Amino acid sequence: MKKTTSILAMVIIFLFAVSVFAKDRYIVVPLGSTKTLSVMKWLGDWALEISYKEGQTVQFEGSSYVCITSHYSDANNSPPGPSHWSLLAAKGDQGDTGTQGPAGADGIDGVNGETGPAGSAGADGIDGVAGATGPAGVDGTDGVNGETGPAGPAGADGTGSGNIDIPSWHRILPVNERFVAVMNLEAILDKETGLVWELSPSNGSYPWYTAFDYCANLENGGRKGWLMPTANQLASLLDTTQEDPALPLGHPFDMDCEVGGCITTTGLYWTSTARVANGTSSTGQNMSVDLVQGEVGNNSGKPFPDKVWCVRSSSVNRVD
């Protein structure tokens, strides 16, 4: 059937025109016409916006056509428009599928694609054997010493018969070793002198005799036995490098200090030491101590009010 169709197409083309070969052209004479066309070389596929001349041949949708009227191509004059084109050979029927040829050679590997997203984490593997301990690192630089902390409470009395640490006035101890809270934390032991002081001096001001009686009747830390200090005893607490109060920096005493000064250090403090003038003591005046400036030797008349800081001592204080 396909062979019959091909023969019929050739007969139709032969009846349509008589062709004569001349070098690189064909002479086409359409049947029933006296017009002879000189067919030029094959131009390939028909295209828009081309100036086609008579006799030029093109391919369009599988059939070949010859231009019979020169024109400028556009969408309205494409083959097989009868005003501009004449069929040379119609598109044949599709032939039988040929035998499959051998496989071609492998092509060149393509470019690697982009890395895909990371997959989910796999299960943890079995722990490996622990490695050997490494060498010790170099010691770091020593840090800055911290501030001295408050004095801790006094330890319990020992029960042995060893030597007793007897205070000696020639020793100079750091503040954190010098002062120890004793007597239910209501008094402070000075380990340099062995004197025991009230945690906080009195806030009131009294004439000398009243101040003396105040200490004699004081019960502090569950104990009596308090006395008015001598000038030397009270002076032993002073630190002249400090001011208001003139006491060692970091001392444990409660001086009721606020911004602008310490309430309990304002004014002078009585002592049991009488004023000495011209080699004799004056019964009308006693020495006092200034805890703001750290001065000793101020003389106060006994009728005038001053403050008092009571002390317990193993020695008997002289009263003048």
C-alpha atoms as a PDB file:
ATOM      1  CA  MET A   1       0.000   0.000   0.000  1.00  0.00           C
ATOM      2  CA  LYS A   2       2.813   2.409   0.874  1.00  0.00           C
ATOM      3  CA  LYS A   3       4.667   1.590  -2.369  1.00  0.00           C
ATOM      4  CA  THR A   4       1.489   2.304  -4.398  1.00  0.00           C
ATOM      5  CA  THR A   5       1.117   5.698  -2.666  1.00  0.00           C
ATOM      6  CA  SER A   6       4.695   6.685  -3.477  1.00  0.00           C
ATOM      7  CA  ILE A   7       4.268   5.755  -7.193  1.00  0.00           C
ATOM      8  CA  LEU A   8       1.043   7.799  -7.374  1.00  0.00           C
ATOM      9  CA  ALA A   9       2.791  10.873  -5.898  1.00  0.00           C
ATOM     10  CA  MET A  10       5.525  10.655  -8.515  1.00  0.00           C
ATOM     11  CA  VAL A  11       2.970  10.439 -11.325  1.00  0.00           C
ATOM     12  CA  ILE A  12       1.170  13.528 -10.038  1.00  0.00           C
ATOM     13  CA  ILE A  13       4.371  15.515  -9.861  1.00  0.00           C
ATOM     14  CA  PHE A  14       5.332  14.437 -13.384  1.00  0.00           C
ATOM     15  CA  LEU A  15       1.942  15.529 -14.746  1.00  0.00           C
ATOM     16  CA  PHE A  16       2.266  18.876 -12.983  1.00  0.00           C
ATOM     17  CA  ALA A  17       5.557  19.912 -14.494  1.00  0.00           C
ATOM     18  CA  VAL A  18       8.367  18.982 -16.811  1.00  0.00           C
ATOM     19  CA  SER A  19      11.788  19.497 -15.347  1.00  0.00           C
ATOM     20  CA  VAL A  20      15.054  19.962 -17.195  1.00  0.00           C
ATOM     21  CA  PHE A  21      18.409  19.918 -15.291  1.00  0.00           C
ATOM     22  CA  ALA A  22      20.795  22.774 -16.047  1.00  0.00           C
ATOM     23  CA  LYS A  23      23.901  23.090 -13.849  1.00  0.00           C
ATOM     24  CA  ASP A  24      22.694  24.022 -10.309  1.00  0.00           C
ATOM     25  CA  ARG A  25      19.102  24.884 -11.256  1.00  0.00           C
ATOM     26  CA  TYR A  26      15.924  23.172 -12.461  1.00  0.00           C
ATOM     27  CA  ILE A  27      13.591  24.579 -15.094  1.00  0.00           C
ATOM     28  CA  VAL A  28       9.966  24.112 -14.004  1.00  0.00           C
ATOM     29  CA  VAL A  29       7.082  24.457 -16.483  1.00  0.00           C
ATOM     30  CA  PRO A  30       3.692  24.197 -14.717  1.00  0.00           C
ATOM     31  CA  LEU A  31       1.061  22.311 -16.683  1.00  0.00           C
ATOM     32  CA  GLY A  32      -1.508  24.432 -18.446  1.00  0.00           C
ATOM     33  CA  SER A  33       0.771  27.490 -18.289  1.00  0.00           C
ATOM     34  CA  THR A  34       3.245  29.054 -20.621  1.00  0.00           C
ATOM     35  CA  LYS A  35       5.273  30.446 -17.644  1.00  0.00           C
ATOM     36  CA  THR A  36       8.619  28.834 -17.107  1.00  0.00           C
ATOM     37  CA  LEU A  37      10.345  29.108 -13.667  1.00  0.00           C
ATOM     38  CA  SER A  38      14.016  28.856 -13.029  1.00  0.00           C
ATOM     39  CA  VAL A  39      14.304  26.965  -9.714  1.00  0.00           C
ATOM     40  CA  MET A  40      17.222  28.124  -7.569  1.00  0.00           C
ATOM     41  CA  LYS A  41      19.104  26.210  -4.913  1.00  0.00           C
ATOM     42  CA  TRP A  42      17.253  24.707  -1.991  1.00  0.00           C
ATOM     43  CA  LEU A  43      16.769  27.298   0.870  1.00  0.00           C
ATOM     44  CA  GLY A  44      15.647  24.950   3.640  1.00  0.00           C
ATOM     45  CA  ASP A  45      12.841  25.742   6.054  1.00  0.00           C
ATOM     46  CA  TRP A  46      10.398  28.547   5.211  1.00  0.00           C
ATOM     47  CA  ALA A  47      10.777  31.558   7.589  1.00  0.00           C
ATOM     48  CA  LEU A  48       9.105  34.875   8.337  1.00  0.00           C
ATOM     49  CA  GLU A  49      10.424  38.216   7.154  1.00  0.00           C
ATOM     50  CA  ILE A  50      12.395  36.862   4.169  1.00  0.00           C
ATOM     51  CA  SER A  51      12.300  38.267   0.643  1.00  0.00           C
ATOM     52  CA  TYR A  52      11.569  35.196  -1.499  1.00  0.00           C
ATOM     53  CA  LYS A  53      12.177  35.255  -5.282  1.00  0.00           C
ATOM     54  CA  GLU A  54      10.459  33.255  -8.007  1.00  0.00           C
ATOM     55  CA  GLY A  55      11.935  29.806  -8.345  1.00  0.00           C
ATOM     56  CA  GLN A  56      13.296  29.579  -4.757  1.00  0.00           C
ATOM     57  CA  THR A  57      12.334  26.370  -2.980  1.00  0.00           C
ATOM     58  CA  VAL A  58      11.602  25.776   0.681  1.00  0.00           C
ATOM     59  CA  GLN A  59      10.320  23.080   3.056  1.00  0.00           C
ATOM     60  CA  PHE A  60       7.223  23.639   5.105  1.00  0.00           C
ATOM     61  CA  GLU A  61       5.603  21.048   7.410  1.00  0.00           C
ATOM     62  CA  GLY A  62       7.282  18.143   5.599  1.00  0.00           C
ATOM     63  CA  SER A  63       6.399  19.203   1.960  1.00  0.00           C
ATOM     64  CA  SER A  64       8.529  21.177  -0.506  1.00  0.00           C
ATOM     65  CA  TYR A  65       7.309  24.257  -2.381  1.00  0.00           C
ATOM     66  CA  VAL A  66       8.536  26.528  -5.182  1.00  0.00           C
ATOM     67  CA  CYS A  67       7.956  30.312  -5.057  1.00  0.00           C
ATOM     68  CA  ILE A  68       5.838  31.394  -8.032  1.00  0.00           C
ATOM     69  CA  THR A  69       5.514  35.090  -7.080  1.00  0.00           C
ATOM     70  CA  SER A  70       8.295  37.148  -5.465  1.00  0.00           C
ATOM     71  CA  HIS A  71       7.188  38.516  -2.071  1.00  0.00           C
ATOM     72  CA  TYR A  72       8.197  39.393   1.514  1.00  0.00           C
ATOM     73  CA  SER A  73       7.079  36.576   3.822  1.00  0.00           C
ATOM     74  CA  ASP A  74       4.678  37.059   6.679  1.00  0.00           C
ATOM     75  CA  ALA A  75       2.096  34.975   8.537  1.00  0.00           C
ATOM     76  CA  ASN A  76      -0.465  35.460   5.767  1.00  0.00           C
ATOM     77  CA  ASN A  77       1.564  34.147   2.795  1.00  0.00           C
ATOM     78  CA  SER A  78       3.170  30.976   4.108  1.00  0.00           C
ATOM     79  CA  PRO A  79       3.028  27.767   1.992  1.00  0.00           C
ATOM     80  CA  PRO A  80       0.865  26.354   0.581  1.00  0.00           C
ATOM     81  CA  GLY A  81      -0.679  29.757  -0.288  1.00  0.00           C
ATOM     82  CA  PRO A  82      -1.560  29.383  -4.030  1.00  0.00           C
ATOM     83  CA  SER A  83      -0.774  33.024  -4.815  1.00  0.00           C
ATOM     84  CA  HIS A  84       2.869  32.654  -3.832  1.00  0.00           C
ATOM     85  CA  TRP A  85       3.772  28.930  -3.688  1.00  0.00           C
ATOM     86  CA  SER A  86       3.358  25.783  -5.763  1.00  0.00           C
ATOM     87  CA  LEU A  87       3.807  22.237  -4.370  1.00  0.00           C
ATOM     88  CA  LEU A  88       6.880  20.370  -5.561  1.00  0.00           C
ATOM     89  CA  ALA A  89       6.703  17.238  -3.426  1.00  0.00           C
ATOM     90  CA  ALA A  90       4.136  16.338  -0.833  1.00  0.00           C
ATOM     91  CA  LYS A  91       5.103  14.946   2.550  1.00  0.00           C
ATOM     92  CA  GLY A  92       5.268  11.135   2.359  1.00  0.00           C
ATOM     93  CA  ASP A  93       3.677   8.699   4.752  1.00  0.00           C
ATOM     94  CA  GLN A  94       5.660   7.536   7.718  1.00  0.00           C
ATOM     95  CA  GLY A  95       7.659   4.419   6.873  1.00  0.00           C
ATOM     96  CA  ASP A  96       7.966   1.275   8.879  1.00  0.00           C
ATOM     97  CA  THR A  97      10.051   1.408  12.006  1.00  0.00           C
ATOM     98  CA  GLY A  98      13.563   0.355  11.151  1.00  0.00           C
ATOM     99  CA  THR A  99      15.621  -2.185  12.959  1.00  0.00           C
ATOM    100  CA  GLN A 100      17.057  -0.809  16.186  1.00  0.00           C
ATOM    101  CA  GLY A 101      20.630   0.219  15.713  1.00  0.00           C
ATOM    102  CA  PRO A 102      23.425  -0.687  18.077  1.00  0.00           C
ATOM    103  CA  ALA A 103      23.735   1.240  21.343  1.00  0.00           C
ATOM    104  CA  GLY A 104      25.768   4.397  21.022  1.00  0.00           C
ATOM    105  CA  ALA A 105      28.911   5.024  22.976  1.00  0.00           C
ATOM    106  CA  ASP A 106      28.514   6.303  26.512  1.00  0.00           C
ATOM    107  CA  GLY A 107      28.304  10.060  26.697  1.00  0.00           C
ATOM    108  CA  ILE A 108      30.649  12.218  28.740  1.00  0.00           C
ATOM    109  CA  ASP A 109      29.752  12.348  32.408  1.00  0.00           C
ATOM    110  CA  GLY A 110      27.667  15.380  33.255  1.00  0.00           C
ATOM    111  CA  VAL A 111      28.606  17.996  35.823  1.00  0.00           C
ATOM    112  CA  ASN A 112      28.044  16.902  39.416  1.00  0.00           C
ATOM    113  CA  GLY A 113      24.791  18.187  40.821  1.00  0.00           C
ATOM    114  CA  GLU A 114      24.539  20.324  43.945  1.00  0.00           C
ATOM    115  CA  THR A 115      25.027  18.602  47.268  1.00  0.00           C
ATOM    116  CA  GLY A 116      21.740  17.425  48.683  1.00  0.00           C
ATOM    117  CA  PRO A 117      20.546  18.287  52.191  1.00  0.00           C
ATOM    118  CA  ALA A 118      22.256  16.560  55.102  1.00  0.00           C
ATOM    119  CA  GLY A 119      20.635  13.359  56.216  1.00  0.00           C
ATOM    120  CA  SER A 120      19.522  12.752  59.756  1.00  0.00           C
ATOM    121  CA  ALA A 121      22.214  11.954  62.314  1.00  0.00           C
ATOM    122  CA  GLY A 122      23.056   8.310  62.642  1.00  0.00           C
ATOM    123  CA  ALA A 123      22.972   6.418  65.914  1.00  0.00           C
ATOM    124  CA  ASP A 124      25.855   7.044  68.312  1.00  0.00           C
ATOM    125  CA  GLY A 125      28.700   4.640  67.908  1.00  0.00           C
ATOM    126  CA  ILE A 126      30.144   2.557  70.715  1.00  0.00           C
ATOM    127  CA  ASP A 127      32.408   4.584  73.024  1.00  0.00           C
ATOM    128  CA  GLY A 128      36.059   4.087  72.305  1.00  0.00           C
ATOM    129  CA  VAL A 129      38.642   3.112  74.860  1.00  0.00           C
ATOM    130  CA  ALA A 130      39.580   6.007  77.160  1.00  0.00           C
ATOM    131  CA  GLY A 131      42.885   7.615  76.251  1.00  0.00           C
ATOM    132  CA  ALA A 132      45.793   7.996  78.610  1.00  0.00           C
ATOM    133  CA  THR A 133      45.699  10.894  81.071  1.00  0.00           C
ATOM    134  CA  GLY A 134      47.553  13.910  79.733  1.00  0.00           C
ATOM    135  CA  PRO A 135      50.296  15.708  81.642  1.00  0.00           C
ATOM    136  CA  ALA A 136      49.333  18.262  84.274  1.00  0.00           C
ATOM    137  CA  GLY A 137      48.980  21.815  83.004  1.00  0.00           C
ATOM    138  CA  VAL A 138      51.166  24.705  84.100  1.00  0.00           C
ATOM    139  CA  ASP A 139      50.081  26.340  87.361  1.00  0.00           C
ATOM    140  CA  GLY A 140      48.098  29.521  86.809  1.00  0.00           C
ATOM    141  CA  THR A 141      49.069  32.898  88.207  1.00  0.00           C
ATOM    142  CA  ASP A 142      48.057  33.454  91.822  1.00  0.00           C
ATOM    143  CA  GLY A 143      44.951  35.591  92.158  1.00  0.00           C
ATOM    144  CA  VAL A 144      44.753  38.825  94.126  1.00  0.00           C
ATOM    145  CA  ASN A 145      44.269  38.344  97.874  1.00  0.00           C
ATOM    146  CA  GLY A 146      40.687  38.900  98.955  1.00  0.00           C
ATOM    147  CA  GLU A 147      39.602  41.327 101.637  1.00  0.00           C
ATOM    148  CA  THR A 148      40.048  40.286 105.237  1.00  0.00           C
ATOM    149  CA  GLY A 149      36.874  38.661 106.511  1.00  0.00           C
ATOM    150  CA  PRO A 150      35.254  39.426 109.875  1.00  0.00           C
ATOM    151  CA  ALA A 151      36.692  37.807 112.980  1.00  0.00           C
ATOM    152  CA  GLY A 152      35.139  34.449 113.779  1.00  0.00           C
ATOM    153  CA  PRO A 153      33.696  33.520 117.165  1.00  0.00           C
ATOM    154  CA  ALA A 154      36.032  32.446 119.924  1.00  0.00           C
ATOM    155  CA  GLY A 155      36.793  28.742 120.092  1.00  0.00           C
ATOM    156  CA  ALA A 156      35.800  26.592 123.064  1.00  0.00           C
ATOM    157  CA  ASP A 157      38.104  26.609 126.060  1.00  0.00           C
ATOM    158  CA  GLY A 158      40.659  23.808 125.969  1.00  0.00           C
ATOM    159  CA  THR A 159      40.720  21.078 128.599  1.00  0.00           C
ATOM    160  CA  GLY A 160      44.431  20.243 128.489  1.00  0.00           C
ATOM    161  CA  SER A 161      47.131  21.433 130.815  1.00  0.00           C
ATOM    162  CA  GLY A 162      49.373  22.883 128.126  1.00  0.00           C
ATOM    163  CA  ASN A 163      50.757  26.405 127.958  1.00  0.00           C
ATOM    164  CA  ILE A 164      48.260  29.301 127.909  1.00  0.00           C
ATOM    165  CA  ASP A 165      48.649  32.000 125.254  1.00  0.00           C
ATOM    166  CA  ILE A 166      49.275  34.923 127.618  1.00  0.00           C
ATOM    167  CA  PRO A 167      48.690  38.310 125.912  1.00  0.00           C
ATOM    168  CA  SER A 168      51.746  40.493 125.658  1.00  0.00           C
ATOM    169  CA  TRP A 169      51.699  44.183 124.852  1.00  0.00           C
ATOM    170  CA  HIS A 170      54.763  43.838 122.634  1.00  0.00           C
ATOM    171  CA  ARG A 171      52.914  41.757 120.007  1.00  0.00           C
ATOM    172  CA  ILE A 172      51.432  43.316 116.863  1.00  0.00           C
ATOM    173  CA  LEU A 173      48.781  41.128 115.227  1.00  0.00           C
ATOM    174  CA  PRO A 174      46.752  41.555 112.025  1.00  0.00           C
ATOM    175  CA  VAL A 175      43.180  42.639 112.665  1.00  0.00           C
ATOM    176  CA  ASN A 176      41.653  39.273 111.737  1.00  0.00           C
ATOM    177  CA  GLU A 177      43.871  37.566 114.358  1.00  0.00           C
ATOM    178  CA  ARG A 178      43.888  40.313 116.986  1.00  0.00           C
ATOM    179  CA  PHE A 179      40.175  40.619 117.796  1.00  0.00           C
ATOM    180  CA  VAL A 180      37.917  37.699 118.799  1.00  0.00           C
ATOM    181  CA  ALA A 181      34.211  37.837 119.660  1.00  0.00           C
ATOM    182  CA  VAL A 182      33.551  36.376 123.155  1.00  0.00           C
ATOM    183  CA  MET A 183      30.897  36.264 125.891  1.00  0.00           C
ATOM    184  CA  ASN A 184      27.923  35.326 123.688  1.00  0.00           C
ATOM    185  CA  LEU A 185      29.251  37.662 120.970  1.00  0.00           C
ATOM    186  CA  GLU A 186      28.535  40.676 123.214  1.00  0.00           C
ATOM    187  CA  ALA A 187      32.207  41.519 123.834  1.00  0.00           C
ATOM    188  CA  ILE A 188      35.518  41.588 121.940  1.00  0.00           C
ATOM    189  CA  LEU A 189      38.812  40.141 123.237  1.00  0.00           C
ATOM    190  CA  ASP A 190      41.932  42.046 122.211  1.00  0.00           C
ATOM    191  CA  LYS A 191      44.619  39.330 121.990  1.00  0.00           C
ATOM    192  CA  GLU A 192      47.409  41.919 121.967  1.00  0.00           C
ATOM    193  CA  THR A 193      46.520  43.239 125.452  1.00  0.00           C
ATOM    194  CA  GLY A 194      44.213  40.614 126.955  1.00  0.00           C
ATOM    195  CA  LEU A 195      41.554  43.296 127.529  1.00  0.00           C
ATOM    196  CA  VAL A 196      37.884  42.536 126.886  1.00  0.00           C
ATOM    197  CA  TRP A 197      35.821  45.431 125.510  1.00  0.00           C
ATOM    198  CA  GLU A 198      32.123  46.049 125.088  1.00  0.00           C
ATOM    199  CA  LEU A 199      31.043  45.234 121.525  1.00  0.00           C
ATOM    200  CA  SER A 200      29.570  48.737 121.342  1.00  0.00           C
ATOM    201  CA  PRO A 201      30.420  51.736 123.573  1.00  0.00           C
ATOM    202  CA  SER A 202      27.656  53.539 125.425  1.00  0.00           C
ATOM    203  CA  ASN A 203      25.604  56.009 123.463  1.00  0.00           C
ATOM    204  CA  GLY A 204      24.862  58.236 126.433  1.00  0.00           C
ATOM    205  CA  SER A 205      27.018  60.972 127.988  1.00  0.00           C
ATOM    206  CA  TYR A 206      27.522  61.132 131.766  1.00  0.00           C
ATOM    207  CA  PRO A 207      29.471  63.082 134.383  1.00  0.00           C
ATOM    208  CA  TRP A 208      32.594  61.183 135.441  1.00  0.00           C
ATOM    209  CA  TYR A 209      31.134  59.655 138.656  1.00  0.00           C
ATOM    210  CA  THR A 210      27.974  58.543 136.870  1.00  0.00           C
ATOM    211  CA  ALA A 211      30.069  56.996 134.073  1.00  0.00           C
ATOM    212  CA  PHE A 212      32.195  55.172 136.682  1.00  0.00           C
ATOM    213  CA  ASP A 213      29.085  53.723 138.329  1.00  0.00           C
ATOM    214  CA  TYR A 214      27.691  52.807 134.891  1.00  0.00           C
ATOM    215  CA  CYS A 215      30.643  50.471 134.214  1.00  0.00           C
ATOM    216  CA  ALA A 216      30.721  49.111 137.790  1.00  0.00           C
ATOM    217  CA  ASN A 217      27.075  48.020 137.527  1.00  0.00           C
ATOM    218  CA  LEU A 218      27.157  46.904 133.876  1.00  0.00           C
ATOM    219  CA  GLU A 219      26.219  43.284 133.142  1.00  0.00           C
ATOM    220  CA  ASN A 220      27.250  42.393 129.598  1.00  0.00           C
ATOM    221  CA  GLY A 221      27.575  38.923 128.086  1.00  0.00           C
ATOM    222  CA  GLY A 222      26.054  37.515 131.258  1.00  0.00           C
ATOM    223  CA  ARG A 223      28.927  38.862 133.396  1.00  0.00           C
ATOM    224  CA  LYS A 224      29.678  41.817 135.665  1.00  0.00           C
ATOM    225  CA  GLY A 225      33.198  42.977 136.510  1.00  0.00           C
ATOM    226  CA  TRP A 226      33.331  45.875 134.036  1.00  0.00           C
ATOM    227  CA  LEU A 227      35.457  48.959 134.751  1.00  0.00           C
ATOM    228  CA  MET A 228      36.143  52.407 133.379  1.00  0.00           C
ATOM    229  CA  PRO A 229      39.388  51.989 131.339  1.00  0.00           C
ATOM    230  CA  THR A 230      42.630  53.817 132.078  1.00  0.00           C
ATOM    231  CA  ALA A 231      43.978  56.249 129.496  1.00  0.00           C
ATOM    232  CA  ASN A 232      46.597  53.678 128.404  1.00  0.00           C
ATOM    233  CA  GLN A 233      44.028  50.917 128.006  1.00  0.00           C
ATOM    234  CA  LEU A 234      41.677  52.996 125.853  1.00  0.00           C
ATOM    235  CA  ALA A 235      44.610  54.395 123.872  1.00  0.00           C
ATOM    236  CA  SER A 236      45.716  50.819 123.028  1.00  0.00           C
ATOM    237  CA  LEU A 237      42.754  50.572 120.644  1.00  0.00           C
ATOM    238  CA  LEU A 238      43.640  53.674 118.629  1.00  0.00           C
ATOM    239  CA  ASP A 239      44.985  53.634 115.073  1.00  0.00           C
ATOM    240  CA  THR A 240      46.135  57.135 114.211  1.00  0.00           C
ATOM    241  CA  THR A 241      46.133  56.346 110.467  1.00  0.00           C
ATOM    242  CA  GLN A 242      42.343  56.128 110.631  1.00  0.00           C
ATOM    243  CA  GLU A 243      39.702  58.696 111.516  1.00  0.00           C
ATOM    244  CA  ASP A 244      36.111  58.626 112.776  1.00  0.00           C
ATOM    245  CA  PRO A 245      36.598  56.155 114.216  1.00  0.00           C
ATOM    246  CA  ALA A 246      40.351  56.140 114.827  1.00  0.00           C
ATOM    247  CA  LEU A 247      40.335  52.341 115.187  1.00  0.00           C
ATOM    248  CA  PRO A 248      42.153  49.638 113.175  1.00  0.00           C
ATOM    249  CA  LEU A 249      40.711  49.135 109.699  1.00  0.00           C
ATOM    250  CA  GLY A 250      38.447  46.065 109.724  1.00  0.00           C
ATOM    251  CA  HIS A 251      37.808  46.163 113.482  1.00  0.00           C
ATOM    252  CA  PRO A 252      34.748  44.186 114.719  1.00  0.00           C
ATOM    253  CA  PHE A 253      33.260  46.834 117.052  1.00  0.00           C
ATOM    254  CA  ASP A 254      29.753  48.175 116.487  1.00  0.00           C
ATOM    255  CA  MET A 255      30.214  51.944 116.349  1.00  0.00           C
ATOM    256  CA  ASP A 256      26.770  52.733 114.841  1.00  0.00           C
ATOM    257  CA  CYS A 257      28.380  54.339 111.770  1.00  0.00           C
ATOM    258  CA  GLU A 258      26.355  56.091 109.114  1.00  0.00           C
ATOM    259  CA  VAL A 259      27.057  58.485 106.266  1.00  0.00           C
ATOM    260  CA  GLY A 260      28.684  61.533 107.821  1.00  0.00           C
ATOM    261  CA  GLY A 261      30.265  59.814 110.825  1.00  0.00           C
ATOM    262  CA  CYS A 262      29.876  57.329 113.655  1.00  0.00           C
ATOM    263  CA  ILE A 263      27.367  58.290 116.355  1.00  0.00           C
ATOM    264  CA  THR A 264      29.156  56.520 119.179  1.00  0.00           C
ATOM    265  CA  THR A 265      32.507  58.159 118.450  1.00  0.00           C
ATOM    266  CA  THR A 266      31.232  61.718 118.623  1.00  0.00           C
ATOM    267  CA  GLY A 267      32.661  63.523 121.641  1.00  0.00           C
ATOM    268  CA  LEU A 268      35.208  62.474 124.268  1.00  0.00           C
ATOM    269  CA  TYR A 269      35.448  59.261 126.300  1.00  0.00           C
ATOM    270  CA  TRP A 270      36.162  59.152 130.033  1.00  0.00           C
ATOM    271  CA  THR A 271      39.167  57.312 131.526  1.00  0.00           C
ATOM    272  CA  SER A 272      39.987  56.552 135.176  1.00  0.00           C
ATOM    273  CA  THR A 273      43.338  58.340 134.813  1.00  0.00           C
ATOM    274  CA  ALA A 274      43.494  61.701 136.611  1.00  0.00           C
ATOM    275  CA  ARG A 275      44.972  64.771 134.990  1.00  0.00           C
ATOM    276  CA  VAL A 276      48.530  65.473 136.112  1.00  0.00           C
ATOM    277  CA  ALA A 277      49.661  69.083 136.394  1.00  0.00           C
ATOM    278  CA  ASN A 278      52.962  70.232 137.862  1.00  0.00           C
ATOM    279  CA  GLY A 279      53.703  66.689 139.030  1.00  0.00           C
ATOM    280  CA  THR A 280      50.522  66.280 141.028  1.00  0.00           C
ATOM    281  CA  SER A 281      47.138  64.853 140.048  1.00  0.00           C
ATOM    282  CA  SER A 282      44.067  67.013 139.859  1.00  0.00           C
ATOM    283  CA  THR A 283      41.023  65.596 141.562  1.00  0.00           C
ATOM    284  CA  GLY A 284      38.757  67.852 139.565  1.00  0.00           C
ATOM    285  CA  GLN A 285      39.774  66.675 136.102  1.00  0.00           C
ATOM    286  CA  ASN A 286      40.448  63.350 134.378  1.00  0.00           C
ATOM    287  CA  MET A 287      42.048  62.479 131.040  1.00  0.00           C
ATOM    288  CA  SER A 288      39.769  61.625 128.146  1.00  0.00           C
ATOM    289  CA  VAL A 289      40.242  60.136 124.645  1.00  0.00           C
ATOM    290  CA  ASP A 290      38.987  61.493 121.321  1.00  0.00           C
ATOM    291  CA  LEU A 291      37.929  58.511 119.136  1.00  0.00           C
ATOM    292  CA  VAL A 292      37.316  60.732 116.116  1.00  0.00           C
ATOM    293  CA  GLN A 293      40.853  62.122 115.793  1.00  0.00           C
ATOM    294  CA  GLY A 294      42.650  59.484 117.872  1.00  0.00           C
ATOM    295  CA  GLU A 295      43.978  61.946 120.456  1.00  0.00           C
ATOM    296  CA  VAL A 296      44.769  61.209 124.129  1.00  0.00           C
ATOM    297  CA  GLY A 297      45.232  63.726 126.935  1.00  0.00           C
ATOM    298  CA  ASN A 298      42.164  65.888 126.629  1.00  0.00           C
ATOM    299  CA  ASN A 299      41.244  67.005 130.122  1.00  0.00           C
ATOM    300  CA  SER A 300      37.625  67.060 131.173  1.00  0.00           C
ATOM    301  CA  GLY A 301      36.120  68.381 134.370  1.00  0.00           C
ATOM    302  CA  LYS A 302      34.366  65.570 136.185  1.00  0.00           C
ATOM    303  CA  PRO A 303      31.022  67.395 136.401  1.00  0.00           C
ATOM    304  CA  PHE A 304      30.851  67.697 132.602  1.00  0.00           C
ATOM    305  CA  PRO A 305      29.251  64.838 130.572  1.00  0.00           C
ATOM    306  CA  ASP A 306      31.384  62.557 128.383  1.00  0.00           C
ATOM    307  CA  LYS A 307      30.872  59.035 127.026  1.00  0.00           C
ATOM    308  CA  VAL A 308      32.347  55.821 128.410  1.00  0.00           C
ATOM    309  CA  TRP A 309      33.587  52.499 126.942  1.00  0.00           C
ATOM    310  CA  CYS A 310      33.747  49.807 129.635  1.00  0.00           C
ATOM    311  CA  VAL A 311      36.469  47.166 129.805  1.00  0.00           C
ATOM    312  CA  ARG A 312      37.215  43.930 131.711  1.00  0.00           C
ATOM    313  CA  SER A 313      40.783  43.510 132.841  1.00  0.00           C
ATOM    314  CA  SER A 314      42.750  41.030 134.933  1.00  0.00           C
ATOM    315  CA  SER A 315      44.466  43.984 136.643  1.00  0.00           C
ATOM    316  CA  VAL A 316      42.872  46.412 139.095  1.00  0.00           C
ATOM    317  CA  ASN A 317      42.414  49.806 137.494  1.00  0.00           C
ATOM    318  CA  ARG A 318      43.534  52.725 139.596  1.00  0.00           C
ATOM    319  CA  VAL A 319      40.795  55.223 140.294  1.00  0.00           C
ATOM    320  CA  ASP A 320      41.767  58.871 140.775  1.00  0.00           C
END
